[in-house]
C-alpha atoms as a PDB file:
ATOM      1  CA  MET A   1     133.863  85.452  91.783  1.00  0.00           C
ATOM      2  CA  LEU A   2     131.704  83.520  94.667  1.00  0.00           C
ATOM      3  CA  GLN A   3     129.151  84.442  97.071  1.00  0.00           C
ATOM      4  CA  THR A   4     130.353  83.899 100.656  1.00  0.00           C
ATOM      5  CA  ALA A   5     126.887  82.525 101.554  1.00  0.00           C
ATOM      6  CA  GLU A   6     126.774  80.167  98.790  1.00  0.00           C
ATOM      7  CA  ILE A   7     130.413  78.673  99.551  1.00  0.00           C
ATOM      8  CA  LEU A   8     129.074  78.203 103.336  1.00  0.00           C
ATOM      9  CA  LYS A   9     125.915  76.368 102.119  1.00  0.00           C
ATOM     10  CA  ILE A  10     127.769  74.149  99.905  1.00  0.00           C
ATOM     11  CA  PHE A  11     130.468  73.336 102.755  1.00  0.00           C
ATOM     12  CA  GLN A  12     127.560  72.766 105.341  1.00  0.00           C
ATOM     13  CA  GLN A  13     126.239  69.907 103.206  1.00  0.00           C
ATOM     14  CA  HIS A  14     129.732  68.086 103.813  1.00  0.00           C
ATOM     15  CA  ARG A  15     130.704  69.488 106.974  1.00  0.00           C
ATOM     16  CA  GLY A  16     130.136  66.207 109.114  1.00  0.00           C
ATOM     17  CA  ASP A  17     130.874  66.841 112.702  1.00  0.00           C
ATOM     18  CA  ALA A  18     133.686  69.411 112.063  1.00  0.00           C
ATOM     19  CA  ILE A  19     134.261  72.089 114.469  1.00  0.00           C
ATOM     20  CA  VAL A  20     133.887  75.577 112.537  1.00  0.00           C
ATOM     21  CA  PHE A  21     135.437  78.772 113.274  1.00  0.00           C
ATOM     22  CA  PRO A  22     133.564  80.836 110.423  1.00  0.00           C
ATOM     23  CA  GLY A  23     135.818  83.652 110.843  1.00  0.00           C
ATOM     24  CA  ARG A  24     134.751  86.640 108.379  1.00  0.00           C
ATOM     25  CA  GLY A  25     132.175  84.351 107.210  1.00  0.00           C
ATOM     26  CA  GLY A  26     130.481  84.244 110.488  1.00  0.00           C
ATOM     27  CA  ARG A  27     127.446  86.599 109.487  1.00  0.00           C
ATOM     28  CA  HIS A  28     126.410  84.308 107.194  1.00  0.00           C
ATOM     29  CA  TRP A  29     127.224  80.970 109.061  1.00  0.00           C
ATOM     30  CA  THR A  30     125.041  81.610 112.231  1.00  0.00           C
ATOM     31  CA  LYS A  31     121.826  81.482 109.824  1.00  0.00           C
ATOM     32  CA  ILE A  32     122.648  78.185 108.172  1.00  0.00           C
ATOM     33  CA  THR A  33     124.396  76.109 110.678  1.00  0.00           C
ATOM     34  CA  THR A  34     122.937  72.970 112.004  1.00  0.00           C
ATOM     35  CA  GLN A  35     125.444  72.154 114.700  1.00  0.00           C
ATOM     36  CA  PRO A  36     126.123  75.472 116.869  1.00  0.00           C
ATOM     37  CA  ASN A  37     127.764  73.614 119.554  1.00  0.00           C
ATOM     38  CA  LEU A  38     130.466  72.707 117.037  1.00  0.00           C
ATOM     39  CA  ASP A  39     130.582  76.245 115.940  1.00  0.00           C
ATOM     40  CA  VAL A  40     133.301  78.810 117.287  1.00  0.00           C
ATOM     41  CA  PRO A  41     131.769  82.107 116.110  1.00  0.00           C
ATOM     42  CA  LEU A  42     133.804  84.408 118.915  1.00  0.00           C
ATOM     43  CA  GLY A  43     134.509  86.896 116.302  1.00  0.00           C
ATOM     44  CA  ASP A  44     137.792  87.451 115.436  1.00  0.00           C
ATOM     45  CA  PRO A  45     140.646  86.989 118.057  1.00  0.00           C
ATOM     46  CA  ALA A  46     142.579  89.767 116.496  1.00  0.00           C
ATOM     47  CA  MET A  47     143.418  90.896 112.762  1.00  0.00           C
ATOM     48  CA  GLY A  48     145.826  88.120 111.460  1.00  0.00           C
ATOM     49  CA  GLY A  49     144.949  85.601 114.399  1.00  0.00           C
ATOM     50  CA  CYS A  50     142.265  83.504 112.786  1.00  0.00           C
ATOM     51  CA  ALA A  51     144.430  80.751 111.377  1.00  0.00           C
ATOM     52  CA  SER A  52     146.511  80.757 114.665  1.00  0.00           C
ATOM     53  CA  PHE A  53     143.365  80.346 116.594  1.00  0.00           C
ATOM     54  CA  ALA A  54     141.970  77.419 114.279  1.00  0.00           C
ATOM     55  CA  MET A  55     145.354  75.474 114.163  1.00  0.00           C
ATOM     56  CA  GLY A  56     145.348  75.715 118.082  1.00  0.00           C
ATOM     57  CA  LEU A  57     141.777  74.198 118.021  1.00  0.00           C
ATOM     58  CA  ALA A  58     142.975  71.322 115.765  1.00  0.00           C
ATOM     59  CA  LEU A  59     146.040  70.544 117.918  1.00  0.00           C
ATOM     60  CA  ALA A  60     143.981  70.422 120.922  1.00  0.00           C
ATOM     61  CA  GLN A  61     141.350  68.331 119.190  1.00  0.00           C
ATOM     62  CA  PRO A  62     143.451  65.799 117.011  1.00  0.00           C
ATOM     63  CA  HIS A  63     140.546  63.498 116.292  1.00  0.00           C
ATOM     64  CA  LYS A  64     138.042  66.241 115.098  1.00  0.00           C
ATOM     65  CA  LYS A  65     138.151  68.080 111.828  1.00  0.00           C
ATOM     66  CA  VAL A  66     138.787  72.061 112.479  1.00  0.00           C
ATOM     67  CA  VAL A  67     137.674  74.130 109.733  1.00  0.00           C
ATOM     68  CA  VAL A  68     138.484  78.005 109.522  1.00  0.00           C
ATOM     69  CA  PHE A  69     137.115  80.559 107.223  1.00  0.00           C
ATOM     70  CA  ASP A  70     140.123  82.939 107.025  1.00  0.00           C
ATOM     71  CA  SER A  71     140.521  86.348 104.841  1.00  0.00           C
ATOM     72  CA  GLU A  72     143.469  87.266 102.893  1.00  0.00           C
ATOM     73  CA  GLY A  73     143.460  90.525 104.898  1.00  0.00           C
ATOM     74  CA  ASP A  74     143.828  88.563 108.117  1.00  0.00           C
ATOM     75  CA  LEU A  75     146.389  85.927 106.530  1.00  0.00           C
ATOM     76  CA  LEU A  76     148.589  88.892 105.019  1.00  0.00           C
ATOM     77  CA  MET A  77     149.162  90.350 108.608  1.00  0.00           C
ATOM     78  CA  SER A  78     150.653  86.934 109.801  1.00  0.00           C
ATOM     79  CA  LEU A  79     151.831  85.067 106.641  1.00  0.00           C
ATOM     80  CA  GLY A  80     154.357  83.266 108.825  1.00  0.00           C
ATOM     81  CA  ILE A  81     151.371  81.025 110.333  1.00  0.00           C
ATOM     82  CA  LEU A  82     151.322  79.139 107.075  1.00  0.00           C
ATOM     83  CA  ALA A  83     154.808  77.991 107.762  1.00  0.00           C
ATOM     84  CA  THR A  84     153.888  76.907 111.202  1.00  0.00           C
ATOM     85  CA  ILE A  85     150.854  74.990 110.019  1.00  0.00           C
ATOM     86  CA  ALA A  86     152.954  73.139 107.606  1.00  0.00           C
ATOM     87  CA  GLU A  87     155.404  72.303 110.197  1.00  0.00           C
ATOM     88  CA  GLN A  88     153.039  71.099 112.787  1.00  0.00           C
ATOM     89  CA  GLN A  89     151.058  69.199 110.074  1.00  0.00           C
ATOM     90  CA  PRO A  90     147.818  68.908 111.565  1.00  0.00           C
ATOM     91  CA  LYS A  91     145.867  66.112 109.740  1.00  0.00           C
ATOM     92  CA  ASN A  92     142.523  67.579 110.643  1.00  0.00           C
ATOM     93  CA  PHE A  93     142.861  71.163 109.505  1.00  0.00           C
ATOM     94  CA  TYR A  94     141.073  72.824 106.513  1.00  0.00           C
ATOM     95  CA  HIS A  95     142.147  76.331 106.011  1.00  0.00           C
ATOM     96  CA  PHE A  96     139.651  78.110 103.553  1.00  0.00           C
ATOM     97  CA  LEU A  97     140.721  81.724 102.472  1.00  0.00           C
ATOM     98  CA  LEU A  98     137.833  84.042 101.449  1.00  0.00           C
ATOM     99  CA  ASP A  99     139.766  86.421  99.193  1.00  0.00           C
ATOM    100  CA  ASN A 100     137.662  89.452  98.144  1.00  0.00           C
ATOM    101  CA  GLU A 101     140.672  91.841  97.367  1.00  0.00           C
ATOM    102  CA  CYS A 102     139.794  94.369  99.901  1.00  0.00           C
ATOM    103  CA  TYR A 103     139.712  95.071 103.711  1.00  0.00           C
ATOM    104  CA  ALA A 104     135.765  94.814 103.908  1.00  0.00           C
ATOM    105  CA  THR A 105     135.006  95.183 107.510  1.00  0.00           C
ATOM    106  CA  THR A 106     136.842  98.695 107.715  1.00  0.00           C
ATOM    107  CA  GLY A 107     135.596 100.343 104.860  1.00  0.00           C
ATOM    108  CA  GLY A 108     136.754  98.699 101.475  1.00  0.00           C
ATOM    109  CA  GLN A 109     140.554  99.564 101.504  1.00  0.00           C
ATOM    110  CA  PRO A 110     142.246  97.587  98.648  1.00  0.00           C
ATOM    111  CA  VAL A 111     144.326  94.839  99.892  1.00  0.00           C
ATOM    112  CA  PRO A 112     147.912  95.296  98.099  1.00  0.00           C
ATOM    113  CA  ASN A 113     148.598  93.746  94.828  1.00  0.00           C
ATOM    114  CA  ALA A 114     145.192  91.859  95.273  1.00  0.00           C
ATOM    115  CA  LYS A 115     144.628  90.778  91.760  1.00  0.00           C
ATOM    116  CA  ASN A 116     148.149  89.375  91.485  1.00  0.00           C
ATOM    117  CA  VAL A 117     148.709  87.246  94.878  1.00  0.00           C
ATOM    118  CA  SER A 118     148.214  83.320  94.509  1.00  0.00           C
ATOM    119  CA  TYR A 119     147.731  82.264  98.102  1.00  0.00           C
ATOM    120  CA  ASP A 120     147.329  78.665  97.202  1.00  0.00           C
ATOM    121  CA  VAL A 121     150.634  78.991  95.796  1.00  0.00           C
ATOM    122  CA  ILE A 122     152.109  80.752  98.894  1.00  0.00           C
ATOM    123  CA  ALA A 123     150.690  77.946 101.131  1.00  0.00           C
ATOM    124  CA  ARG A 124     152.050  75.504  98.877  1.00  0.00           C
ATOM    125  CA  GLY A 125     155.330  77.027  98.915  1.00  0.00           C
ATOM    126  CA  ALA A 126     155.128  77.202 102.814  1.00  0.00           C
ATOM    127  CA  GLY A 127     154.636  73.350 102.641  1.00  0.00           C
ATOM    128  CA  TYR A 128     150.899  72.693 102.806  1.00  0.00           C
ATOM    129  CA  PRO A 129     150.487  69.176 101.112  1.00  0.00           C
ATOM    130  CA  HIS A 130     147.287  70.345  99.492  1.00  0.00           C
ATOM    131  CA  ALA A 131     146.101  73.792  98.246  1.00  0.00           C
ATOM    132  CA  PHE A 132     143.469  74.674  95.707  1.00  0.00           C
ATOM    133  CA  ALA A 133     142.001  77.915  94.364  1.00  0.00           C
ATOM    134  CA  TYR A 134     138.679  78.467  93.001  1.00  0.00           C
ATOM    135  CA  ASP A 135     136.633  81.544  91.686  1.00  0.00           C
ATOM    136  CA  ASN A 136     133.577  79.163  90.226  1.00  0.00           C
ATOM    137  CA  LEU A 137     130.877  77.752  92.619  1.00  0.00           C
ATOM    138  CA  GLU A 138     130.228  74.948  90.251  1.00  0.00           C
ATOM    139  CA  SER A 139     134.158  73.687  90.549  1.00  0.00           C
ATOM    140  CA  PHE A 140     134.300  74.219  94.202  1.00  0.00           C
ATOM    141  CA  ALA A 141     130.811  72.308  94.627  1.00  0.00           C
ATOM    142  CA  ALA A 142     132.207  69.414  92.793  1.00  0.00           C
ATOM    143  CA  ASP A 143     135.565  69.332  94.804  1.00  0.00           C
ATOM    144  CA  ILE A 144     134.549  70.008  98.169  1.00  0.00           C
ATOM    145  CA  GLN A 145     133.921  66.289  99.210  1.00  0.00           C
ATOM    146  CA  SER A 146     137.489  65.161  97.898  1.00  0.00           C
ATOM    147  CA  ILE A 147     138.821  68.153  99.870  1.00  0.00           C
ATOM    148  CA  LEU A 148     137.551  67.251 103.052  1.00  0.00           C
ATOM    149  CA  SER A 149     138.632  63.532 102.641  1.00  0.00           C
ATOM    150  CA  ARG A 150     142.323  64.507 102.209  1.00  0.00           C
ATOM    151  CA  PRO A 151     144.593  64.468 105.324  1.00  0.00           C
ATOM    152  CA  GLY A 152     145.430  68.039 106.415  1.00  0.00           C
ATOM    153  CA  PRO A 153     146.725  70.543 106.378  1.00  0.00           C
ATOM    154  CA  VAL A 154     144.620  71.627 103.341  1.00  0.00           C
ATOM    155  CA  PHE A 155     144.300  75.035 101.991  1.00  0.00           C
ATOM    156  CA  VAL A 156     141.644  76.187  99.949  1.00  0.00           C
ATOM    157  CA  ALA A 157     141.777  79.813  98.349  1.00  0.00           C
ATOM    158  CA  MET A 158     138.540  81.363  97.170  1.00  0.00           C
ATOM    159  CA  LYS A 159     137.813  84.876  95.362  1.00  0.00           C
ATOM    160  CA  VAL A 160     134.720  86.161  96.635  1.00  0.00           C
ATOM    161  CA  VAL A 161     132.316  89.213  96.185  1.00  0.00           C
ATOM    162  CA  PRO A 162     133.200  92.082  98.552  1.00  0.00           C
ATOM    163  CA  GLU A 163     130.605  92.930 101.186  1.00  0.00           C
ATOM    164  CA  ILE A 164     132.158  96.087 102.260  1.00  0.00           C
ATOM    165  CA  GLU A 165     130.913  97.521 105.810  1.00  0.00           C
ATOM    166  CA  ASN A 166     131.148 101.319 106.372  1.00  0.00           C
ATOM    167  CA  MET A 167     129.110 101.716 109.607  1.00  0.00           C
ATOM    168  CA  PRO A 168     131.660 102.228 112.282  1.00  0.00           C
ATOM    169  CA  ILE A 169     132.283  98.760 114.215  1.00  0.00           C
ATOM    170  CA  GLY A 170     130.776  99.604 117.478  1.00  0.00           C
ATOM    171  CA  GLN A 171     127.691 100.837 115.756  1.00  0.00           C
ATOM    172  CA  ARG A 172     127.059  97.661 113.682  1.00  0.00           C
ATOM    173  CA  LYS A 173     124.515  94.967 114.555  1.00  0.00           C
ATOM    174  CA  SER A 174     126.060  91.694 116.044  1.00  0.00           C
ATOM    175  CA  TRP A 175     125.494  88.576 113.854  1.00  0.00           C
ATOM    176  CA  ARG A 176     126.706  86.463 117.057  1.00  0.00           C
ATOM    177  CA  THR A 177     123.504  84.679 118.425  1.00  0.00           C
ATOM    178  CA  ARG A 178     125.476  83.584 121.720  1.00  0.00           C
ATOM    179  CA  SER A 179     128.230  84.816 124.255  1.00  0.00           C
ATOM    180  CA  ARG A 180     131.558  83.626 124.393  1.00  0.00           C
ATOM    181  CA  GLU A 181     130.739  81.671 127.409  1.00  0.00           C
ATOM    182  CA  GLU A 182     127.746  80.331 125.912  1.00  0.00           C
ATOM    183  CA  VAL A 183     129.821  79.314 122.745  1.00  0.00           C
ATOM    184  CA  LEU A 184     132.623  77.647 124.937  1.00  0.00           C
ATOM    185  CA  LYS A 185     130.298  75.708 127.167  1.00  0.00           C
ATOM    186  CA  GLY A 186     128.454  74.404 124.112  1.00  0.00           C
ATOM    187  CA  LEU A 187     131.804  73.248 122.301  1.00  0.00           C
ATOM    188  CA  GLN A 188     132.919  71.793 125.672  1.00  0.00           C
ATOM    189  CA  LYS A 189     129.747  69.720 126.082  1.00  0.00           C
ATOM    190  CA  GLU A 190     129.807  68.357 122.493  1.00  0.00           C
ATOM    191  CA  LEU A 191     133.486  67.480 122.851  1.00  0.00           C
ATOM    192  CA  GLY A 192     132.941  65.906 126.463  1.00  0.00           C
ATOM    193  CA  ILE A 193     135.225  68.179 128.075  1.00  0.00           C
ATOM    194  CA  MET A 194     134.208  69.171 131.724  1.00  0.00           C
ATOM    195  CA  ILE A 195     135.727  72.221 133.527  1.00  0.00           C
END
């Protein structure tokens, strides 16, 4: 299994000027990002909404790569989004799945059939033209440049070590360093959108 922070460090080296929605990897991402105005660390729109939100960004900004770091718990809440993304075929969409086999943000409850689900196979079956799976950091590091050079939509499933949080959500220290308004203003400025 991989460490989420290590995956993100490797990805950061190849990010370019992609818009990144860090999703469940956000607490690590905010510590290593070098382009915060291209980050959309808004927290999670709703359980199951990460991929939908990121696809909307990709469709709205077709000339910018859009990368989402989703979780299998989120994806299972809305598996139909895979077929929708595949139908829309956003060439700039890169869907990374952090699969820790549990619902880590709500106490570590196991995800059903966690050890047997092949999310890359599901994505391919839904119509993603490119889908990969990794449980080894060296293989991922060797392939990341090739993955990001392919036209999207691209799906990458990665088995990660669970980082279970047991403190009630309202009592957790926030990893976000900017408000929603600051995030949106920074992204608008970076993209040249004046509202």
